[in-house]
């Protein structure tokens, strides 16, 4: 392999590494948040604390939807 080809392979590998930078920021589903209430609370707090940057992210949208589902279920349970 030539030096130019080696540099190209290294550059491509480095660029692709950035695509999977932080697994902790992986998008969580509504169901996941319903099963992990502590993380739901933390996500909702983070979304409230920084709505300009985080408000339209998938995790904030999913966390808010999970919160809505929890609230509806609690209301139904209270009416029983």
Protein backbone atom coordinates (compact mmCIF):
# COMPACT_ATOMS: atom_id res chain seq x y z
CA UNK A 1 0.00 0.00 0.00
CA UNK A 2 1.36 3.41 -0.88
CA UNK A 3 1.80 6.18 1.63
CA UNK A 4 -1.00 8.22 0.02
CA UNK A 5 -3.38 5.27 0.24
CA UNK A 6 -2.41 4.67 3.87
CA UNK A 7 -3.06 8.30 4.75
CA UNK A 8 -6.43 8.13 3.00
CA UNK A 9 -7.43 5.00 4.93
CA UNK A 10 -6.42 6.60 8.23
CA UNK A 11 -8.31 9.81 7.40
CA UNK A 12 -11.49 7.91 6.51
CA UNK A 13 -11.24 5.81 9.67
CA UNK A 14 -10.77 8.93 11.79
CA UNK A 15 -13.77 10.62 10.15
CA UNK A 16 -16.00 7.59 10.72
CA UNK A 17 -14.92 7.35 14.35
CA UNK A 18 -16.50 10.75 14.96
CA UNK A 19 -19.87 9.38 13.82
CA UNK A 20 -20.10 7.20 16.92
CA UNK A 21 -18.52 9.59 19.38
CA UNK A 22 -20.69 9.16 22.44
CA UNK A 23 -22.89 6.12 22.96
CA UNK A 24 -24.46 7.76 26.05
CA UNK A 25 -26.18 10.20 23.69
CA UNK A 26 -27.83 7.37 21.80
CA UNK A 27 -31.51 8.07 21.18
CA UNK A 28 -33.74 6.45 23.77
CA UNK A 29 -37.28 5.36 22.88
CA UNK A 30 -40.44 6.31 24.74
CA UNK A 31 -40.68 2.72 25.97
CA UNK A 32 -37.10 2.83 27.23
CA UNK A 33 -37.85 5.97 29.24
CA UNK A 34 -41.00 4.32 30.66
CA UNK A 35 -38.84 1.41 31.86
CA UNK A 36 -36.11 3.70 33.27
CA UNK A 37 -37.88 6.34 35.34
CA UNK A 38 -34.71 7.74 36.96
CA UNK A 39 -33.18 8.41 33.55
CA UNK A 40 -36.51 9.89 32.42
CA UNK A 41 -36.38 12.37 35.30
CA UNK A 42 -32.79 13.30 34.48
CA UNK A 43 -33.57 13.73 30.78
CA UNK A 44 -36.58 15.93 31.54
CA UNK A 45 -34.47 18.10 33.85
CA UNK A 46 -31.75 18.47 31.21
CA UNK A 47 -34.36 19.37 28.59
CA UNK A 48 -35.92 21.98 30.89
CA UNK A 49 -32.53 23.42 31.85
CA UNK A 50 -31.41 23.90 28.24
CA UNK A 51 -34.47 24.01 25.96
CA UNK A 52 -32.75 26.15 23.34
CA UNK A 53 -30.15 23.50 22.61
CA UNK A 54 -31.90 20.28 23.64
CA UNK A 55 -35.62 20.98 23.30
CA UNK A 56 -35.99 19.66 19.75
CA UNK A 57 -33.71 16.64 20.16
CA UNK A 58 -35.12 13.13 19.84
CA UNK A 59 -34.37 12.31 23.49
CA UNK A 60 -36.24 15.37 24.78
CA UNK A 61 -39.20 14.68 22.52
CA UNK A 62 -39.28 11.02 23.59
CA UNK A 63 -38.83 11.90 27.27
CA UNK A 64 -41.70 14.39 27.11
CA UNK A 65 -43.91 11.82 25.40
CA UNK A 66 -43.04 9.27 28.09
CA UNK A 67 -43.87 11.83 30.78
CA UNK A 68 -47.25 12.43 29.11
CA UNK A 69 -47.95 8.68 29.09
CA UNK A 70 -47.00 8.40 32.77
CA UNK A 71 -49.28 11.32 33.65
CA UNK A 72 -52.22 9.83 31.73
CA UNK A 73 -51.72 6.45 33.40
CA UNK A 74 -51.53 8.07 36.84
CA UNK A 75 -54.77 9.94 36.14
CA UNK A 76 -56.48 6.72 35.02
CA UNK A 77 -55.22 4.92 38.13
CA UNK A 78 -56.51 7.74 40.36
CA UNK A 79 -60.00 7.42 38.86
CA UNK A 80 -60.29 3.69 39.63
